[in-house]
Amino acid sequence: MEDFWNWQLTLPSALISLAIGYLLGSIPFGLILTRMAGLGDVRNIGSGNIGATNVLRTGNKGLAAATLLLDAFKATAAALIAWKLFGEDAGIIAGFAAFIGHIFPVWIGFKGGKGVATYIGTLLGVAPLMVVVFAVIWLAIAFTTRYSSLSALVATLVIPVVLWILGADKIAAAMAIMTVISFWKHKANIARLAAGTETKIGAKG
């Protein structure tokens, strides 16, 4: 933990990294894609979320997959751009900012998604091998329970622990904060999981 507070960033580079991440992260691809496909406002169905899981409830698997990829890659792009410009620490900050931008996008009144795809995208940018860990955990839980929310919650809970064990303290700290925020955004899902009323993967509307 000795290097935890030793962030290699100037204030201007940190601010630029935050701006890059937030602006890219706040692009609401789920809303854009469903409207372009003539499916209306995805916020009016299911959970009202703009993420891939809710887009899947339109019945269009292709759009859901595209939403997942774009929501992930916008965080990856932010992390890689900032890393290229200012170094690894800037990449971590930009990925984190993309996550925040997805959840609180300026373009649609700060009411965005729950951040799972951008969480994965940030990992892809700053710790790509952890995406495999995330995927294995998500698939295992999803296969046995068919609950996307539970799968994501368990995976996001494990990732910071694994990163910390591996000595990636800064990334672990950023992902841990993102995990806490993700749990807060999933509070309604957690309540439904406890009540046994959570919507399962593949269910419409």
N, C-alpha and C. Protein backbone atom coordinates (compact mmCIF):
# COMPACT_ATOMS: atom_id res chain seq x y z
N MET A 1 0.81 -1.22 0.00
CA MET A 1 0.00 0.00 0.00
C MET A 1 0.85 1.28 0.00
N GLU A 2 2.17 1.15 -0.11
CA GLU A 2 3.03 2.30 0.02
C GLU A 2 2.80 3.35 -1.07
N ASP A 3 2.42 2.91 -2.28
CA ASP A 3 2.28 3.86 -3.38
C ASP A 3 0.85 4.34 -3.57
N PHE A 4 -0.02 4.02 -2.60
CA PHE A 4 -1.44 4.31 -2.80
C PHE A 4 -1.70 5.79 -3.06
N TRP A 5 -1.07 6.66 -2.28
CA TRP A 5 -1.34 8.09 -2.42
C TRP A 5 -0.38 8.77 -3.39
N ASN A 6 0.51 8.02 -3.98
CA ASN A 6 1.50 8.59 -4.88
C ASN A 6 0.99 8.64 -6.32
N TRP A 7 -0.03 9.46 -6.55
CA TRP A 7 -0.63 9.59 -7.88
C TRP A 7 0.26 10.49 -8.73
N GLN A 8 0.64 9.99 -9.90
CA GLN A 8 1.54 10.71 -10.79
C GLN A 8 0.74 11.58 -11.76
N LEU A 9 0.18 12.67 -11.20
CA LEU A 9 -0.68 13.55 -12.00
C LEU A 9 -0.55 14.99 -11.55
N THR A 10 -0.56 15.91 -12.51
CA THR A 10 -0.70 17.32 -12.16
C THR A 10 -2.20 17.63 -12.12
N LEU A 11 -2.55 18.75 -11.51
CA LEU A 11 -3.96 19.13 -11.44
C LEU A 11 -4.57 19.32 -12.82
N PRO A 12 -3.90 20.02 -13.75
CA PRO A 12 -4.49 20.15 -15.09
C PRO A 12 -4.72 18.81 -15.79
N SER A 13 -3.76 17.89 -15.70
CA SER A 13 -3.93 16.60 -16.35
C SER A 13 -5.04 15.79 -15.71
N ALA A 14 -5.20 15.93 -14.39
CA ALA A 14 -6.28 15.24 -13.70
C ALA A 14 -7.63 15.78 -14.15
N LEU A 15 -7.74 17.11 -14.26
CA LEU A 15 -9.00 17.73 -14.67
C LEU A 15 -9.35 17.37 -16.11
N ILE A 16 -8.34 17.36 -16.98
CA ILE A 16 -8.58 16.98 -18.38
C ILE A 16 -9.03 15.53 -18.47
N SER A 17 -8.40 14.66 -17.68
CA SER A 17 -8.77 13.24 -17.66
C SER A 17 -10.20 13.06 -17.17
N LEU A 18 -10.56 13.80 -16.14
CA LEU A 18 -11.94 13.73 -15.63
C LEU A 18 -12.93 14.18 -16.70
N ALA A 19 -12.59 15.26 -17.42
CA ALA A 19 -13.49 15.78 -18.45
C ALA A 19 -13.63 14.79 -19.60
N ILE A 20 -12.52 14.22 -20.04
CA ILE A 20 -12.57 13.23 -21.12
C ILE A 20 -13.46 12.06 -20.72
N GLY A 21 -13.23 11.55 -19.52
CA GLY A 21 -14.00 10.41 -19.05
C GLY A 21 -15.48 10.72 -18.90
N TYR A 22 -15.77 11.84 -18.25
CA TYR A 22 -17.18 12.16 -18.01
C TYR A 22 -17.95 12.38 -19.30
N LEU A 23 -17.38 13.15 -20.23
CA LEU A 23 -18.09 13.46 -21.47
C LEU A 23 -18.31 12.21 -22.33
N LEU A 24 -17.31 11.35 -22.40
CA LEU A 24 -17.51 10.10 -23.15
C LEU A 24 -18.49 9.19 -22.43
N GLY A 25 -18.35 9.09 -21.12
CA GLY A 25 -19.21 8.20 -20.35
C GLY A 25 -20.67 8.60 -20.36
N SER A 26 -20.93 9.89 -20.54
CA SER A 26 -22.31 10.37 -20.46
C SER A 26 -23.10 10.20 -21.76
N ILE A 27 -22.49 9.66 -22.80
CA ILE A 27 -23.23 9.41 -24.05
C ILE A 27 -24.21 8.26 -23.81
N PRO A 28 -25.53 8.49 -23.92
CA PRO A 28 -26.54 7.46 -23.59
C PRO A 28 -26.84 6.54 -24.78
N PHE A 29 -25.94 5.61 -25.04
CA PHE A 29 -26.07 4.78 -26.23
C PHE A 29 -27.36 3.95 -26.25
N GLY A 30 -27.79 3.44 -25.10
CA GLY A 30 -29.02 2.65 -25.08
C GLY A 30 -30.22 3.44 -25.55
N LEU A 31 -30.31 4.67 -25.12
CA LEU A 31 -31.41 5.55 -25.53
C LEU A 31 -31.30 5.91 -27.00
N ILE A 32 -30.09 6.22 -27.44
CA ILE A 32 -29.86 6.60 -28.84
C ILE A 32 -30.21 5.45 -29.78
N LEU A 33 -29.71 4.26 -29.47
CA LEU A 33 -29.91 3.12 -30.36
C LEU A 33 -31.38 2.69 -30.44
N THR A 34 -32.08 2.67 -29.32
CA THR A 34 -33.49 2.26 -29.36
C THR A 34 -34.35 3.27 -30.10
N ARG A 35 -34.03 4.54 -29.97
CA ARG A 35 -34.77 5.56 -30.71
C ARG A 35 -34.49 5.46 -32.20
N MET A 36 -33.23 5.24 -32.56
CA MET A 36 -32.88 5.09 -33.97
C MET A 36 -33.55 3.87 -34.59
N ALA A 37 -33.79 2.84 -33.77
CA ALA A 37 -34.43 1.62 -34.26
C ALA A 37 -35.95 1.73 -34.27
N GLY A 38 -36.47 2.87 -33.86
CA GLY A 38 -37.92 3.08 -33.86
C GLY A 38 -38.62 2.40 -32.71
N LEU A 39 -37.90 2.11 -31.64
CA LEU A 39 -38.49 1.41 -30.49
C LEU A 39 -38.91 2.36 -29.37
N GLY A 40 -38.83 3.65 -29.64
CA GLY A 40 -39.26 4.62 -28.65
C GLY A 40 -38.22 4.86 -27.57
N ASP A 41 -38.69 5.31 -26.42
CA ASP A 41 -37.82 5.65 -25.30
C ASP A 41 -37.68 4.45 -24.39
N VAL A 42 -36.49 3.89 -24.30
CA VAL A 42 -36.25 2.68 -23.49
C VAL A 42 -36.52 2.94 -22.02
N ARG A 43 -36.54 4.21 -21.62
CA ARG A 43 -36.82 4.53 -20.22
C ARG A 43 -38.27 4.30 -19.83
N ASN A 44 -39.12 4.03 -20.85
CA ASN A 44 -40.54 3.80 -20.57
C ASN A 44 -40.90 2.32 -20.41
N ILE A 45 -39.90 1.45 -20.47
CA ILE A 45 -40.18 0.02 -20.30
C ILE A 45 -39.33 -0.56 -19.18
N GLY A 46 -39.73 -1.73 -18.71
CA GLY A 46 -38.94 -2.47 -17.73
C GLY A 46 -38.54 -1.64 -16.53
N SER A 47 -37.23 -1.62 -16.28
CA SER A 47 -36.70 -0.90 -15.12
C SER A 47 -36.59 0.60 -15.37
N GLY A 48 -36.79 1.03 -16.63
CA GLY A 48 -36.63 2.43 -16.97
C GLY A 48 -35.18 2.83 -17.16
N ASN A 49 -34.30 1.83 -17.15
CA ASN A 49 -32.87 2.06 -17.27
C ASN A 49 -32.46 2.18 -18.73
N ILE A 50 -31.33 2.86 -18.99
CA ILE A 50 -30.85 3.01 -20.37
C ILE A 50 -29.77 1.99 -20.72
N GLY A 51 -29.51 1.06 -19.84
CA GLY A 51 -28.46 0.08 -20.06
C GLY A 51 -28.89 -1.12 -20.89
N ALA A 52 -27.93 -2.01 -21.15
CA ALA A 52 -28.15 -3.14 -22.06
C ALA A 52 -29.21 -4.11 -21.56
N THR A 53 -29.27 -4.34 -20.26
CA THR A 53 -30.26 -5.29 -19.73
C THR A 53 -31.67 -4.83 -20.03
N ASN A 54 -31.92 -3.54 -19.87
CA ASN A 54 -33.26 -3.03 -20.16
C ASN A 54 -33.52 -2.95 -21.65
N VAL A 55 -32.49 -2.65 -22.43
CA VAL A 55 -32.65 -2.66 -23.89
C VAL A 55 -33.04 -4.06 -24.36
N LEU A 56 -32.51 -5.08 -23.70
CA LEU A 56 -32.85 -6.46 -24.04
C LEU A 56 -34.35 -6.73 -23.86
N ARG A 57 -34.98 -5.99 -22.98
CA ARG A 57 -36.42 -6.17 -22.73
C ARG A 57 -37.28 -5.66 -23.89
N THR A 58 -36.66 -4.98 -24.85
CA THR A 58 -37.40 -4.61 -26.06
C THR A 58 -37.55 -5.82 -26.98
N GLY A 59 -36.79 -6.87 -26.69
CA GLY A 59 -36.81 -8.07 -27.52
C GLY A 59 -35.76 -8.06 -28.61
N ASN A 60 -35.00 -6.98 -28.70
CA ASN A 60 -33.98 -6.85 -29.74
C ASN A 60 -32.61 -7.16 -29.14
N LYS A 61 -32.16 -8.40 -29.32
CA LYS A 61 -30.88 -8.83 -28.74
C LYS A 61 -29.70 -8.10 -29.37
N GLY A 62 -29.82 -7.78 -30.66
CA GLY A 62 -28.74 -7.07 -31.34
C GLY A 62 -28.50 -5.70 -30.75
N LEU A 63 -29.59 -4.97 -30.50
CA LEU A 63 -29.46 -3.65 -29.90
C LEU A 63 -28.91 -3.74 -28.48
N ALA A 64 -29.33 -4.76 -27.75
CA ALA A 64 -28.83 -4.93 -26.39
C ALA A 64 -27.33 -5.19 -26.41
N ALA A 65 -26.89 -6.03 -27.33
CA ALA A 65 -25.46 -6.33 -27.45
C ALA A 65 -24.68 -5.08 -27.85
N ALA A 66 -25.22 -4.31 -28.79
CA ALA A 66 -24.57 -3.08 -29.23
C ALA A 66 -24.48 -2.07 -28.09
N THR A 67 -25.54 -1.99 -27.30
CA THR A 67 -25.54 -1.08 -26.15
C THR A 67 -24.47 -1.48 -25.14
N LEU A 68 -24.41 -2.77 -24.85
CA LEU A 68 -23.40 -3.27 -23.91
C LEU A 68 -21.99 -2.92 -24.38
N LEU A 69 -21.71 -3.18 -25.65
CA LEU A 69 -20.38 -2.94 -26.19
C LEU A 69 -20.02 -1.46 -26.19
N LEU A 70 -20.96 -0.63 -26.65
CA LEU A 70 -20.68 0.81 -26.73
C LEU A 70 -20.55 1.43 -25.35
N ASP A 71 -21.39 1.00 -24.40
CA ASP A 71 -21.29 1.52 -23.04
C ASP A 71 -19.98 1.09 -22.39
N ALA A 72 -19.50 -0.09 -22.75
CA ALA A 72 -18.22 -0.54 -22.22
C ALA A 72 -17.06 0.19 -22.88
N PHE A 73 -17.10 0.26 -24.21
CA PHE A 73 -15.97 0.81 -24.94
C PHE A 73 -15.79 2.31 -24.74
N LYS A 74 -16.87 3.01 -24.39
CA LYS A 74 -16.69 4.44 -24.14
C LYS A 74 -15.81 4.66 -22.90
N ALA A 75 -15.93 3.77 -21.92
CA ALA A 75 -15.07 3.85 -20.74
C ALA A 75 -13.65 3.41 -21.08
N THR A 76 -13.54 2.36 -21.89
CA THR A 76 -12.22 1.90 -22.32
C THR A 76 -11.50 2.99 -23.10
N ALA A 77 -12.23 3.62 -24.02
CA ALA A 77 -11.64 4.70 -24.83
C ALA A 77 -11.16 5.85 -23.95
N ALA A 78 -11.99 6.22 -22.98
CA ALA A 78 -11.62 7.32 -22.07
C ALA A 78 -10.35 6.97 -21.31
N ALA A 79 -10.28 5.75 -20.78
CA ALA A 79 -9.11 5.33 -20.01
C ALA A 79 -7.86 5.31 -20.88
N LEU A 80 -7.97 4.79 -22.09
CA LEU A 80 -6.81 4.67 -22.96
C LEU A 80 -6.33 6.02 -23.47
N ILE A 81 -7.27 6.90 -23.79
CA ILE A 81 -6.89 8.24 -24.25
C ILE A 81 -6.13 8.99 -23.16
N ALA A 82 -6.70 8.98 -21.94
CA ALA A 82 -6.05 9.69 -20.84
C ALA A 82 -4.71 9.05 -20.48
N TRP A 83 -4.65 7.71 -20.53
CA TRP A 83 -3.40 7.01 -20.25
C TRP A 83 -2.33 7.41 -21.26
N LYS A 84 -2.72 7.47 -22.53
CA LYS A 84 -1.78 7.85 -23.58
C LYS A 84 -1.29 9.29 -23.39
N LEU A 85 -2.17 10.17 -22.95
CA LEU A 85 -1.81 11.57 -22.79
C LEU A 85 -0.99 11.84 -21.54
N PHE A 86 -1.40 11.23 -20.42
CA PHE A 86 -0.83 11.61 -19.13
C PHE A 86 -0.31 10.47 -18.26
N GLY A 87 -0.47 9.23 -18.72
CA GLY A 87 0.03 8.12 -17.92
C GLY A 87 -1.07 7.27 -17.30
N GLU A 88 -0.64 6.19 -16.63
CA GLU A 88 -1.57 5.19 -16.10
C GLU A 88 -2.57 5.76 -15.11
N ASP A 89 -2.11 6.61 -14.19
CA ASP A 89 -3.01 7.16 -13.19
C ASP A 89 -4.14 7.97 -13.83
N ALA A 90 -3.81 8.69 -14.90
CA ALA A 90 -4.83 9.45 -15.62
C ALA A 90 -5.85 8.51 -16.23
N GLY A 91 -5.40 7.36 -16.70
CA GLY A 91 -6.32 6.37 -17.27
C GLY A 91 -7.31 5.87 -16.24
N ILE A 92 -6.83 5.63 -15.02
CA ILE A 92 -7.71 5.17 -13.94
C ILE A 92 -8.77 6.23 -13.65
N ILE A 93 -8.33 7.48 -13.56
CA ILE A 93 -9.26 8.57 -13.26
C ILE A 93 -10.28 8.76 -14.38
N ALA A 94 -9.83 8.67 -15.62
CA ALA A 94 -10.75 8.84 -16.76
C ALA A 94 -11.77 7.71 -16.81
N GLY A 95 -11.34 6.48 -16.55
CA GLY A 95 -12.28 5.36 -16.52
C GLY A 95 -13.31 5.54 -15.43
N PHE A 96 -12.87 5.99 -14.26
CA PHE A 96 -13.79 6.26 -13.15
C PHE A 96 -14.78 7.35 -13.54
N ALA A 97 -14.29 8.40 -14.19
CA ALA A 97 -15.16 9.50 -14.60
C ALA A 97 -16.17 9.06 -15.65
N ALA A 98 -15.77 8.13 -16.52
CA ALA A 98 -16.70 7.60 -17.52
C ALA A 98 -17.84 6.85 -16.83
N PHE A 99 -17.49 6.11 -15.80
CA PHE A 99 -18.49 5.39 -14.99
C PHE A 99 -19.49 6.37 -14.38
N ILE A 100 -18.98 7.45 -13.81
CA ILE A 100 -19.84 8.48 -13.22
C ILE A 100 -20.68 9.15 -14.30
N GLY A 101 -20.07 9.41 -15.46
CA GLY A 101 -20.80 10.04 -16.56
C GLY A 101 -21.95 9.18 -17.06
N HIS A 102 -21.75 7.88 -17.10
CA HIS A 102 -22.83 6.98 -17.53
C HIS A 102 -23.99 7.00 -16.55
N ILE A 103 -23.68 7.05 -15.28
CA ILE A 103 -24.73 7.04 -14.25
C ILE A 103 -25.42 8.40 -14.15
N PHE A 104 -24.65 9.47 -14.32
CA PHE A 104 -25.20 10.83 -14.22
C PHE A 104 -24.89 11.63 -15.49
N PRO A 105 -25.50 11.26 -16.62
CA PRO A 105 -25.20 11.94 -17.89
C PRO A 105 -25.85 13.32 -17.99
N VAL A 106 -25.04 14.30 -18.33
CA VAL A 106 -25.52 15.66 -18.41
C VAL A 106 -26.59 15.82 -19.49
N TRP A 107 -26.52 14.99 -20.55
CA TRP A 107 -27.41 15.15 -21.70
C TRP A 107 -28.86 14.79 -21.41
N ILE A 108 -29.11 13.96 -20.41
CA ILE A 108 -30.49 13.53 -20.13
C ILE A 108 -30.85 13.72 -18.66
N GLY A 109 -30.49 14.90 -18.16
CA GLY A 109 -30.90 15.27 -16.81
C GLY A 109 -30.23 14.49 -15.70
N PHE A 110 -29.03 13.98 -15.94
CA PHE A 110 -28.26 13.26 -14.93
C PHE A 110 -28.93 11.97 -14.46
N LYS A 111 -29.81 11.42 -15.31
CA LYS A 111 -30.49 10.16 -14.97
C LYS A 111 -30.07 9.11 -15.99
N GLY A 112 -29.04 8.35 -15.64
CA GLY A 112 -28.48 7.40 -16.59
C GLY A 112 -28.62 5.96 -16.17
N GLY A 113 -27.63 5.16 -16.53
CA GLY A 113 -27.67 3.73 -16.26
C GLY A 113 -27.08 3.38 -14.91
N LYS A 114 -26.84 2.10 -14.72
CA LYS A 114 -26.32 1.62 -13.44
C LYS A 114 -24.83 1.35 -13.47
N GLY A 115 -24.23 1.47 -14.64
CA GLY A 115 -22.78 1.49 -14.71
C GLY A 115 -22.05 0.18 -14.89
N VAL A 116 -22.77 -0.92 -15.04
CA VAL A 116 -22.09 -2.21 -15.12
C VAL A 116 -21.20 -2.30 -16.36
N ALA A 117 -21.73 -1.90 -17.51
CA ALA A 117 -20.94 -1.97 -18.74
C ALA A 117 -19.74 -1.05 -18.68
N THR A 118 -19.90 0.16 -18.13
CA THR A 118 -18.77 1.07 -18.04
C THR A 118 -17.77 0.61 -16.98
N TYR A 119 -18.25 -0.12 -15.99
CA TYR A 119 -17.36 -0.76 -15.01
C TYR A 119 -16.45 -1.75 -15.74
N ILE A 120 -17.06 -2.57 -16.58
CA ILE A 120 -16.29 -3.55 -17.36
C ILE A 120 -15.34 -2.83 -18.32
N GLY A 121 -15.83 -1.79 -18.96
CA GLY A 121 -15.01 -1.04 -19.90
C GLY A 121 -13.81 -0.39 -19.24
N THR A 122 -14.00 0.10 -18.02
CA THR A 122 -12.88 0.66 -17.28
C THR A 122 -11.83 -0.41 -16.99
N LEU A 123 -12.30 -1.58 -16.57
CA LEU A 123 -11.38 -2.70 -16.34
C LEU A 123 -10.60 -3.03 -17.61
N LEU A 124 -11.29 -3.04 -18.73
CA LEU A 124 -10.64 -3.37 -20.00
C LEU A 124 -9.53 -2.38 -20.31
N GLY A 125 -9.74 -1.13 -19.92
CA GLY A 125 -8.75 -0.10 -20.19
C GLY A 125 -7.56 -0.12 -19.25
N VAL A 126 -7.79 -0.44 -17.97
CA VAL A 126 -6.71 -0.30 -16.98
C VAL A 126 -6.22 -1.62 -16.40
N ALA A 127 -7.04 -2.68 -16.49
CA ALA A 127 -6.65 -4.00 -15.97
C ALA A 127 -7.36 -5.08 -16.78
N PRO A 128 -7.00 -5.23 -18.06
CA PRO A 128 -7.76 -6.07 -18.99
C PRO A 128 -7.95 -7.53 -18.55
N LEU A 129 -7.00 -8.11 -17.85
CA LEU A 129 -7.16 -9.50 -17.43
C LEU A 129 -8.31 -9.66 -16.44
N MET A 130 -8.64 -8.59 -15.73
CA MET A 130 -9.75 -8.65 -14.76
C MET A 130 -11.11 -8.78 -15.45
N VAL A 131 -11.16 -8.44 -16.73
CA VAL A 131 -12.42 -8.61 -17.48
C VAL A 131 -12.76 -10.10 -17.56
N VAL A 132 -11.73 -10.94 -17.69
CA VAL A 132 -11.96 -12.39 -17.73
C VAL A 132 -12.52 -12.86 -16.40
N VAL A 133 -11.96 -12.36 -15.31
CA VAL A 133 -12.45 -12.72 -13.97
C VAL A 133 -13.90 -12.29 -13.81
N PHE A 134 -14.18 -11.06 -14.22
CA PHE A 134 -15.55 -10.53 -14.14
C PHE A 134 -16.50 -11.41 -14.95
N ALA A 135 -16.10 -11.74 -16.17
CA ALA A 135 -16.96 -12.52 -17.07
C ALA A 135 -17.25 -13.90 -16.50
N VAL A 136 -16.24 -14.55 -15.96
CA VAL A 136 -16.42 -15.89 -15.40
C VAL A 136 -17.41 -15.86 -14.24
N ILE A 137 -17.25 -14.88 -13.37
CA ILE A 137 -18.15 -14.75 -12.21
C ILE A 137 -19.57 -14.44 -12.68
N TRP A 138 -19.68 -13.46 -13.60
CA TRP A 138 -21.01 -13.05 -14.09
C TRP A 138 -21.73 -14.22 -14.74
N LEU A 139 -21.03 -14.94 -15.60
CA LEU A 139 -21.65 -16.06 -16.31
C LEU A 139 -22.06 -17.18 -15.36
N ALA A 140 -21.23 -17.44 -14.38
CA ALA A 140 -21.55 -18.51 -13.43
C ALA A 140 -22.81 -18.19 -12.63
N ILE A 141 -22.91 -16.95 -12.16
CA ILE A 141 -24.10 -16.56 -11.38
C ILE A 141 -25.32 -16.46 -12.28
N ALA A 142 -25.14 -15.90 -13.48
CA ALA A 142 -26.26 -15.75 -14.41
C ALA A 142 -26.80 -17.11 -14.85
N PHE A 143 -25.91 -18.05 -15.09
CA PHE A 143 -26.32 -19.37 -15.53
C PHE A 143 -27.14 -20.09 -14.46
N THR A 144 -26.77 -19.91 -13.22
CA THR A 144 -27.46 -20.62 -12.14
C THR A 144 -28.71 -19.89 -11.64
N THR A 145 -28.75 -18.57 -11.76
CA THR A 145 -29.89 -17.82 -11.21
C THR A 145 -30.73 -17.09 -12.25
N ARG A 146 -30.15 -16.77 -13.41
CA ARG A 146 -30.77 -15.97 -14.47
C ARG A 146 -31.12 -14.55 -13.99
N TYR A 147 -30.38 -14.07 -13.02
CA TYR A 147 -30.54 -12.69 -12.56
C TYR A 147 -29.32 -11.88 -12.98
N SER A 148 -29.51 -10.96 -13.92
CA SER A 148 -28.41 -10.13 -14.37
C SER A 148 -27.89 -9.24 -13.26
N SER A 149 -28.78 -8.67 -12.48
CA SER A 149 -28.38 -7.76 -11.40
C SER A 149 -27.53 -8.48 -10.36
N LEU A 150 -27.94 -9.65 -9.95
CA LEU A 150 -27.18 -10.41 -8.96
C LEU A 150 -25.80 -10.79 -9.50
N SER A 151 -25.75 -11.16 -10.76
CA SER A 151 -24.49 -11.52 -11.39
C SER A 151 -23.52 -10.35 -11.36
N ALA A 152 -24.03 -9.17 -11.71
CA ALA A 152 -23.20 -7.98 -11.73
C ALA A 152 -22.74 -7.59 -10.33
N LEU A 153 -23.63 -7.67 -9.37
CA LEU A 153 -23.30 -7.29 -8.01
C LEU A 153 -22.20 -8.17 -7.43
N VAL A 154 -22.31 -9.48 -7.64
CA VAL A 154 -21.29 -10.39 -7.13
C VAL A 154 -19.95 -10.14 -7.81
N ALA A 155 -19.98 -9.95 -9.13
CA ALA A 155 -18.74 -9.72 -9.87
C ALA A 155 -18.06 -8.43 -9.44
N THR A 156 -18.84 -7.36 -9.28
CA THR A 156 -18.23 -6.08 -8.87
C THR A 156 -17.71 -6.14 -7.44
N LEU A 157 -18.28 -7.01 -6.64
CA LEU A 157 -17.81 -7.17 -5.26
C LEU A 157 -16.46 -7.90 -5.21
N VAL A 158 -16.28 -8.84 -6.10
CA VAL A 158 -15.06 -9.66 -6.10
C VAL A 158 -13.87 -8.93 -6.72
N ILE A 159 -14.11 -8.16 -7.78
CA ILE A 159 -13.02 -7.54 -8.54
C ILE A 159 -12.07 -6.70 -7.69
N PRO A 160 -12.55 -5.76 -6.85
CA PRO A 160 -11.60 -4.97 -6.06
C PRO A 160 -10.76 -5.82 -5.12
N VAL A 161 -11.34 -6.88 -4.60
CA VAL A 161 -10.60 -7.77 -3.70
C VAL A 161 -9.46 -8.45 -4.45
N VAL A 162 -9.76 -8.95 -5.64
CA VAL A 162 -8.73 -9.60 -6.46
C VAL A 162 -7.62 -8.62 -6.81
N LEU A 163 -8.01 -7.41 -7.21
CA LEU A 163 -7.01 -6.39 -7.55
C LEU A 163 -6.13 -6.05 -6.36
N TRP A 164 -6.74 -5.94 -5.19
CA TRP A 164 -5.98 -5.63 -3.98
C TRP A 164 -5.00 -6.75 -3.65
N ILE A 165 -5.45 -7.99 -3.78
CA ILE A 165 -4.58 -9.14 -3.53
C ILE A 165 -3.39 -9.13 -4.49
N LEU A 166 -3.63 -8.71 -5.73
CA LEU A 166 -2.57 -8.66 -6.74
C LEU A 166 -1.67 -7.44 -6.60
N GLY A 167 -2.00 -6.55 -5.68
CA GLY A 167 -1.16 -5.39 -5.43
C GLY A 167 -1.46 -4.17 -6.27
N ALA A 168 -2.56 -4.20 -7.02
CA ALA A 168 -2.94 -3.05 -7.84
C ALA A 168 -3.80 -2.11 -7.00
N ASP A 169 -3.16 -1.44 -6.05
CA ASP A 169 -3.88 -0.69 -5.02
C ASP A 169 -4.74 0.44 -5.57
N LYS A 170 -4.18 1.22 -6.49
CA LYS A 170 -4.93 2.37 -7.00
C LYS A 170 -6.15 1.92 -7.79
N ILE A 171 -5.96 0.94 -8.65
CA ILE A 171 -7.08 0.44 -9.44
C ILE A 171 -8.11 -0.20 -8.52
N ALA A 172 -7.64 -0.95 -7.53
CA ALA A 172 -8.55 -1.59 -6.57
C ALA A 172 -9.40 -0.55 -5.85
N ALA A 173 -8.76 0.56 -5.45
CA ALA A 173 -9.50 1.61 -4.74
C ALA A 173 -10.56 2.23 -5.63
N ALA A 174 -10.20 2.53 -6.88
CA ALA A 174 -11.16 3.12 -7.82
C ALA A 174 -12.33 2.17 -8.06
N MET A 175 -12.01 0.89 -8.28
CA MET A 175 -13.07 -0.08 -8.55
C MET A 175 -13.93 -0.32 -7.30
N ALA A 176 -13.33 -0.23 -6.12
CA ALA A 176 -14.10 -0.41 -4.89
C ALA A 176 -15.14 0.70 -4.73
N ILE A 177 -14.74 1.94 -5.04
CA ILE A 177 -15.69 3.05 -4.98
C ILE A 177 -16.79 2.84 -6.01
N MET A 178 -16.42 2.39 -7.20
CA MET A 178 -17.41 2.12 -8.24
C MET A 178 -18.35 1.00 -7.82
N THR A 179 -17.83 0.02 -7.08
CA THR A 179 -18.67 -1.07 -6.58
C THR A 179 -19.72 -0.55 -5.60
N VAL A 180 -19.28 0.32 -4.71
CA VAL A 180 -20.22 0.90 -3.73
C VAL A 180 -21.32 1.67 -4.45
N ILE A 181 -20.93 2.48 -5.44
CA ILE A 181 -21.92 3.25 -6.20
C ILE A 181 -22.85 2.31 -6.97
N SER A 182 -22.29 1.24 -7.53
CA SER A 182 -23.10 0.27 -8.27
C SER A 182 -24.13 -0.39 -7.36
N PHE A 183 -23.73 -0.73 -6.14
CA PHE A 183 -24.68 -1.32 -5.19
C PHE A 183 -25.78 -0.32 -4.86
N TRP A 184 -25.42 0.96 -4.71
CA TRP A 184 -26.43 1.98 -4.44
C TRP A 184 -27.40 2.10 -5.61
N LYS A 185 -26.88 2.07 -6.83
CA LYS A 185 -27.74 2.17 -8.01
C LYS A 185 -28.63 0.94 -8.17
N HIS A 186 -28.20 -0.18 -7.60
CA HIS A 186 -28.97 -1.42 -7.71
C HIS A 186 -29.85 -1.67 -6.48
N LYS A 187 -30.06 -0.65 -5.66
CA LYS A 187 -30.80 -0.87 -4.41
C LYS A 187 -32.21 -1.41 -4.64
N ALA A 188 -32.85 -0.95 -5.72
CA ALA A 188 -34.18 -1.47 -6.03
C ALA A 188 -34.10 -2.92 -6.47
N ASN A 189 -33.06 -3.25 -7.23
CA ASN A 189 -32.87 -4.64 -7.65
C ASN A 189 -32.61 -5.54 -6.44
N ILE A 190 -31.82 -5.04 -5.50
CA ILE A 190 -31.51 -5.81 -4.30
C ILE A 190 -32.79 -6.09 -3.51
N ALA A 191 -33.65 -5.07 -3.43
CA ALA A 191 -34.92 -5.25 -2.72
C ALA A 191 -35.79 -6.29 -3.43
N ARG A 192 -35.82 -6.25 -4.77
CA ARG A 192 -36.61 -7.23 -5.52
C ARG A 192 -36.01 -8.62 -5.43
N LEU A 193 -34.68 -8.70 -5.41
CA LEU A 193 -34.04 -10.01 -5.26
C LEU A 193 -34.42 -10.62 -3.92
N ALA A 194 -34.42 -9.80 -2.89
CA ALA A 194 -34.80 -10.29 -1.55
C ALA A 194 -36.25 -10.73 -1.50
N ALA A 195 -37.10 -10.04 -2.30
CA ALA A 195 -38.52 -10.38 -2.31
C ALA A 195 -38.87 -11.47 -3.33
N GLY A 196 -37.89 -11.83 -4.17
CA GLY A 196 -38.12 -12.85 -5.18
C GLY A 196 -38.91 -12.35 -6.38
N THR A 197 -38.90 -11.05 -6.61
CA THR A 197 -39.69 -10.47 -7.71
C THR A 197 -38.80 -9.84 -8.79
N GLU A 198 -37.51 -10.02 -8.72
CA GLU A 198 -36.61 -9.43 -9.70
C GLU A 198 -36.84 -10.06 -11.07
N THR A 199 -36.80 -9.24 -12.12
CA THR A 199 -36.97 -9.73 -13.48
C THR A 199 -35.76 -10.55 -13.91
N LYS A 200 -36.00 -11.69 -14.54
CA LYS A 200 -34.91 -12.56 -14.96
C LYS A 200 -34.46 -12.21 -16.37
N ILE A 201 -33.27 -12.65 -16.71
CA ILE A 201 -32.69 -12.40 -18.03
C ILE A 201 -33.60 -12.97 -19.11
N GLY A 202 -33.90 -12.14 -20.12
CA GLY A 202 -34.72 -12.60 -21.23
C GLY A 202 -36.19 -12.24 -21.12
N ALA A 203 -36.61 -11.79 -19.93
CA ALA A 203 -38.02 -11.40 -19.76
C ALA A 203 -38.24 -10.04 -20.40
N LYS A 204 -39.37 -9.86 -21.08
CA LYS A 204 -39.69 -8.60 -21.75
C LYS A 204 -40.47 -7.68 -20.82
N GLY A 205 -40.30 -6.35 -21.13
CA GLY A 205 -41.11 -5.35 -20.47
C GLY A 205 -41.08 -5.38 -19.00
